[in-house]
Amino acid sequence: MPDEPITPRRVNGKLIKNQRSLKRLRTQELMDSPEFWEGILGMIACGMTLREVNKAHKTHWGSLWKRIKADPGLERRYFEAKEGIGEWASHQMTDLAKHTLNDRVKMEALRILMEKNNPDRYGQRQHIKLEQSVSQQHVDELRELARLKDVTPEASE
């Protein structure tokens, strides 16, 4: 189903009909609104991707992403919303576990989503303890190799 066309309008006395230009103009106007960002971040926290949000608002994806990356406060809030997906997914998984017994694929997908979007809380961690530094281990291995086979060239007289 194709998107509905955006109505042509005048900007600075010039009539804009090009749908791409109208979409960029609309995106710019929306990006200046704090309510718009609150809505977007809320949608992301509820499991929507940025591309799905763009499609729902009929906005230009690149412009939104550039604005998020250019504003450190907005970028921080975006990644906090992404972490919220883990919370949302955990509630979804709980509901699925209560109401279904055979929906393992969906539960596994939500588990992966939780791990990926909030690894500090839901990710699987491996704790590796190093007994010595890698460089020291490398030196020790080279010394062991040197004892096994002397590769020093003989001095010529």
C-alpha atoms as a PDB file:
ATOM      1  CA  MET A   1       0.000   0.000   0.000  1.00  0.00           C
ATOM      2  CA  PRO A   2       1.723   3.207  -1.104  1.00  0.00           C
ATOM      3  CA  ASP A   3       1.934   6.198   1.224  1.00  0.00           C
ATOM      4  CA  GLU A   4      -0.642   8.925   0.797  1.00  0.00           C
ATOM      5  CA  PRO A   5       0.835  11.935  -0.976  1.00  0.00           C
ATOM      6  CA  ILE A   6       1.615  14.986   1.122  1.00  0.00           C
ATOM      7  CA  THR A   7      -0.410  18.024   0.036  1.00  0.00           C
ATOM      8  CA  PRO A   8       1.616  20.603  -1.952  1.00  0.00           C
ATOM      9  CA  ARG A   9       2.046  23.942  -0.204  1.00  0.00           C
ATOM     10  CA  ARG A  10       3.741  27.291  -0.411  1.00  0.00           C
ATOM     11  CA  VAL A  11       6.949  27.967   1.470  1.00  0.00           C
ATOM     12  CA  ASN A  12       8.517  31.431   1.202  1.00  0.00           C
ATOM     13  CA  GLY A  13       6.229  32.210  -1.726  1.00  0.00           C
ATOM     14  CA  LYS A  14       7.262  29.098  -3.677  1.00  0.00           C
ATOM     15  CA  LEU A  15       4.854  26.222  -4.339  1.00  0.00           C
ATOM     16  CA  ILE A  16       6.430  22.896  -3.408  1.00  0.00           C
ATOM     17  CA  LYS A  17       4.922  19.864  -5.147  1.00  0.00           C
ATOM     18  CA  ASN A  18       7.788  17.365  -5.053  1.00  0.00           C
ATOM     19  CA  GLN A  19       6.854  14.659  -2.545  1.00  0.00           C
ATOM     20  CA  ARG A  20      10.446  14.143  -1.463  1.00  0.00           C
ATOM     21  CA  SER A  21      10.899  17.850  -0.722  1.00  0.00           C
ATOM     22  CA  LEU A  22       7.572  17.968   1.102  1.00  0.00           C
ATOM     23  CA  LYS A  23       8.574  14.959   3.200  1.00  0.00           C
ATOM     24  CA  ARG A  24      11.875  16.613   4.175  1.00  0.00           C
ATOM     25  CA  LEU A  25      10.097  19.867   5.019  1.00  0.00           C
ATOM     26  CA  ARG A  26       7.544  18.028   7.152  1.00  0.00           C
ATOM     27  CA  THR A  27      10.338  16.099   8.902  1.00  0.00           C
ATOM     28  CA  GLN A  28      12.173  19.324   9.683  1.00  0.00           C
ATOM     29  CA  GLU A  29       9.046  20.893  11.160  1.00  0.00           C
ATOM     30  CA  LEU A  30       8.371  17.835  13.301  1.00  0.00           C
ATOM     31  CA  MET A  31      11.973  17.640  14.534  1.00  0.00           C
ATOM     32  CA  ASP A  32      11.658  21.117  16.035  1.00  0.00           C
ATOM     33  CA  SER A  33       8.876  19.886  18.343  1.00  0.00           C
ATOM     34  CA  PRO A  34       9.794  18.380  21.767  1.00  0.00           C
ATOM     35  CA  GLU A  35       6.472  16.495  21.772  1.00  0.00           C
ATOM     36  CA  PHE A  36       7.501  14.783  18.539  1.00  0.00           C
ATOM     37  CA  TRP A  37      10.701  13.452  20.139  1.00  0.00           C
ATOM     38  CA  GLU A  38       8.851  12.303  23.250  1.00  0.00           C
ATOM     39  CA  GLY A  39       6.469  10.349  21.016  1.00  0.00           C
ATOM     40  CA  ILE A  40       9.278   8.823  18.965  1.00  0.00           C
ATOM     41  CA  LEU A  41      11.280   7.789  22.013  1.00  0.00           C
ATOM     42  CA  GLY A  42       8.147   6.301  23.568  1.00  0.00           C
ATOM     43  CA  MET A  43       7.459   4.279  20.428  1.00  0.00           C
ATOM     44  CA  ILE A  44      11.058   3.016  20.383  1.00  0.00           C
ATOM     45  CA  ALA A  45      10.853   2.065  24.067  1.00  0.00           C
ATOM     46  CA  CYS A  46       7.756  -0.001  23.199  1.00  0.00           C
ATOM     47  CA  GLY A  47       9.633  -2.073  20.645  1.00  0.00           C
ATOM     48  CA  MET A  48       9.382  -0.154  17.376  1.00  0.00           C
ATOM     49  CA  THR A  49      12.456   0.340  15.225  1.00  0.00           C
ATOM     50  CA  LEU A  50      13.457   3.775  14.000  1.00  0.00           C
ATOM     51  CA  ARG A  51      12.460   2.742  10.472  1.00  0.00           C
ATOM     52  CA  GLU A  52       8.972   1.746  11.680  1.00  0.00           C
ATOM     53  CA  VAL A  53       8.653   5.066  13.490  1.00  0.00           C
ATOM     54  CA  ASN A  54       9.669   6.904  10.310  1.00  0.00           C
ATOM     55  CA  LYS A  55       7.080   5.043   8.313  1.00  0.00           C
ATOM     56  CA  ALA A  56       4.363   5.780  10.887  1.00  0.00           C
ATOM     57  CA  HIS A  57       5.180   9.511  10.910  1.00  0.00           C
ATOM     58  CA  LYS A  58       6.021   9.679   7.178  1.00  0.00           C
ATOM     59  CA  THR A  59       9.348  11.291   7.982  1.00  0.00           C
ATOM     60  CA  HIS A  60      12.789  11.138   6.406  1.00  0.00           C
ATOM     61  CA  TRP A  61      14.925   8.489   8.175  1.00  0.00           C
ATOM     62  CA  GLY A  62      18.318  10.069   7.493  1.00  0.00           C
ATOM     63  CA  SER A  63      17.271  13.421   8.918  1.00  0.00           C
ATOM     64  CA  LEU A  64      16.032  11.873  12.158  1.00  0.00           C
ATOM     65  CA  TRP A  65      19.159   9.768  12.590  1.00  0.00           C
ATOM     66  CA  LYS A  66      21.459  12.742  11.908  1.00  0.00           C
ATOM     67  CA  ARG A  67      19.596  14.846  14.485  1.00  0.00           C
ATOM     68  CA  ILE A  68      19.847  12.061  17.072  1.00  0.00           C
ATOM     69  CA  LYS A  69      23.589  11.687  16.469  1.00  0.00           C
ATOM     70  CA  ALA A  70      24.197  15.469  16.499  1.00  0.00           C
ATOM     71  CA  ASP A  71      22.521  16.093  19.870  1.00  0.00           C
ATOM     72  CA  PRO A  72      24.265  14.260  22.759  1.00  0.00           C
ATOM     73  CA  GLY A  73      21.235  14.611  25.041  1.00  0.00           C
ATOM     74  CA  LEU A  74      18.893  13.228  22.410  1.00  0.00           C
ATOM     75  CA  GLU A  75      21.324  10.432  21.573  1.00  0.00           C
ATOM     76  CA  ARG A  76      21.502   9.451  25.270  1.00  0.00           C
ATOM     77  CA  ARG A  77      17.698   9.428  25.482  1.00  0.00           C
ATOM     78  CA  TYR A  78      17.502   7.361  22.276  1.00  0.00           C
ATOM     79  CA  PHE A  79      19.783   4.671  23.708  1.00  0.00           C
ATOM     80  CA  GLU A  80      17.857   4.736  26.999  1.00  0.00           C
ATOM     81  CA  ALA A  81      14.702   4.108  24.966  1.00  0.00           C
ATOM     82  CA  LYS A  82      16.470   1.224  23.197  1.00  0.00           C
ATOM     83  CA  GLU A  83      17.244  -0.250  26.624  1.00  0.00           C
ATOM     84  CA  GLY A  84      13.548   0.102  27.405  1.00  0.00           C
ATOM     85  CA  ILE A  85      12.856  -2.454  24.685  1.00  0.00           C
ATOM     86  CA  GLY A  86      14.389  -5.056  26.974  1.00  0.00           C
ATOM     87  CA  GLU A  87      11.879  -4.128  29.672  1.00  0.00           C
ATOM     88  CA  TRP A  88       9.022  -4.215  27.181  1.00  0.00           C
ATOM     89  CA  ALA A  89      10.162  -7.589  25.839  1.00  0.00           C
ATOM     90  CA  SER A  90      10.460  -9.042  29.326  1.00  0.00           C
ATOM     91  CA  HIS A  91       6.809  -8.102  29.998  1.00  0.00           C
ATOM     92  CA  GLN A  92       5.777  -9.589  26.656  1.00  0.00           C
ATOM     93  CA  MET A  93       7.658 -12.792  27.430  1.00  0.00           C
ATOM     94  CA  THR A  94       5.978 -13.046  30.810  1.00  0.00           C
ATOM     95  CA  ASP A  95       2.556 -12.686  29.179  1.00  0.00           C
ATOM     96  CA  LEU A  96       3.400 -15.323  26.570  1.00  0.00           C
ATOM     97  CA  ALA A  97       4.634 -17.735  29.210  1.00  0.00           C
ATOM     98  CA  LYS A  98       1.371 -17.313  31.138  1.00  0.00           C
ATOM     99  CA  HIS A  99      -0.957 -17.782  28.155  1.00  0.00           C
ATOM    100  CA  THR A 100       0.827 -20.137  25.769  1.00  0.00           C
ATOM    101  CA  LEU A 101       2.933 -23.259  25.983  1.00  0.00           C
ATOM    102  CA  ASN A 102       3.962 -23.797  22.348  1.00  0.00           C
ATOM    103  CA  ASP A 103       5.112 -20.366  21.256  1.00  0.00           C
ATOM    104  CA  ARG A 104       8.821 -21.085  21.723  1.00  0.00           C
ATOM    105  CA  VAL A 105      10.031 -19.321  18.591  1.00  0.00           C
ATOM    106  CA  LYS A 106       8.465 -16.035  19.619  1.00  0.00           C
ATOM    107  CA  MET A 107       9.806 -16.368  23.160  1.00  0.00           C
ATOM    108  CA  GLU A 108      13.307 -17.073  21.851  1.00  0.00           C
ATOM    109  CA  ALA A 109      13.108 -14.042  19.559  1.00  0.00           C
ATOM    110  CA  LEU A 110      12.045 -11.826  22.450  1.00  0.00           C
ATOM    111  CA  ARG A 111      14.865 -13.224  24.600  1.00  0.00           C
ATOM    112  CA  ILE A 112      17.391 -12.356  21.922  1.00  0.00           C
ATOM    113  CA  LEU A 113      15.836  -8.912  21.581  1.00  0.00           C
ATOM    114  CA  MET A 114      16.136  -8.380  25.324  1.00  0.00           C
ATOM    115  CA  GLU A 115      19.799  -9.436  25.315  1.00  0.00           C
ATOM    116  CA  LYS A 116      20.683  -7.254  22.367  1.00  0.00           C
ATOM    117  CA  ASN A 117      18.885  -4.105  23.468  1.00  0.00           C
ATOM    118  CA  ASN A 118      19.814  -4.218  27.152  1.00  0.00           C
ATOM    119  CA  PRO A 119      22.878  -6.456  27.490  1.00  0.00           C
ATOM    120  CA  ASP A 120      23.822  -5.103  30.921  1.00  0.00           C
ATOM    121  CA  ARG A 121      20.617  -6.452  32.388  1.00  0.00           C
ATOM    122  CA  TYR A 122      19.600  -9.362  30.132  1.00  0.00           C
ATOM    123  CA  GLY A 123      22.785 -10.382  28.314  1.00  0.00           C
ATOM    124  CA  GLN A 124      24.746 -13.536  28.931  1.00  0.00           C
ATOM    125  CA  ARG A 125      28.145 -12.702  30.315  1.00  0.00           C
ATOM    126  CA  GLN A 126      31.355 -14.658  30.465  1.00  0.00           C
ATOM    127  CA  HIS A 127      33.905 -13.727  33.072  1.00  0.00           C
ATOM    128  CA  ILE A 128      37.435 -14.476  31.945  1.00  0.00           C
ATOM    129  CA  LYS A 129      40.260 -14.155  34.416  1.00  0.00           C
ATOM    130  CA  LEU A 130      43.724 -13.604  32.975  1.00  0.00           C
ATOM    131  CA  GLU A 131      46.559 -14.992  35.037  1.00  0.00           C
ATOM    132  CA  GLN A 132      49.202 -13.072  33.120  1.00  0.00           C
ATOM    133  CA  SER A 133      49.343 -10.503  30.374  1.00  0.00           C
ATOM    134  CA  VAL A 134      49.101 -11.589  26.767  1.00  0.00           C
ATOM    135  CA  SER A 135      52.433  -9.983  25.936  1.00  0.00           C
ATOM    136  CA  GLN A 136      54.139 -11.920  28.759  1.00  0.00           C
ATOM    137  CA  GLN A 137      52.585 -15.149  27.513  1.00  0.00           C
ATOM    138  CA  HIS A 138      53.847 -14.365  24.009  1.00  0.00           C
ATOM    139  CA  VAL A 139      57.400 -13.810  25.297  1.00  0.00           C
ATOM    140  CA  ASP A 140      57.274 -17.067  27.286  1.00  0.00           C
ATOM    141  CA  GLU A 141      56.125 -18.988  24.206  1.00  0.00           C
ATOM    142  CA  LEU A 142      58.952 -17.498  22.118  1.00  0.00           C
ATOM    143  CA  ARG A 143      61.492 -18.528  24.771  1.00  0.00           C
ATOM    144  CA  GLU A 144      60.091 -22.063  24.788  1.00  0.00           C
ATOM    145  CA  LEU A 145      60.387 -22.229  21.001  1.00  0.00           C
ATOM    146  CA  ALA A 146      63.955 -20.959  21.189  1.00  0.00           C
ATOM    147  CA  ARG A 147      64.876 -23.769  23.618  1.00  0.00           C
ATOM    148  CA  LEU A 148      63.414 -26.402  21.329  1.00  0.00           C
ATOM    149  CA  LYS A 149      65.271 -25.337  18.206  1.00  0.00           C
ATOM    150  CA  ASP A 150      68.137 -22.948  17.926  1.00  0.00           C
ATOM    151  CA  VAL A 151      67.481 -20.835  14.847  1.00  0.00           C
ATOM    152  CA  THR A 152      70.449 -18.528  15.343  1.00  0.00           C
ATOM    153  CA  PRO A 153      72.630 -18.555  12.193  1.00  0.00           C
ATOM    154  CA  GLU A 154      76.212 -19.704  12.713  1.00  0.00           C
ATOM    155  CA  ALA A 155      78.819 -17.008  12.585  1.00  0.00           C
ATOM    156  CA  SER A 156      80.996 -17.126   9.486  1.00  0.00           C
ATOM    157  CA  GLU A 157      84.718 -16.516   9.823  1.00  0.00           C
END
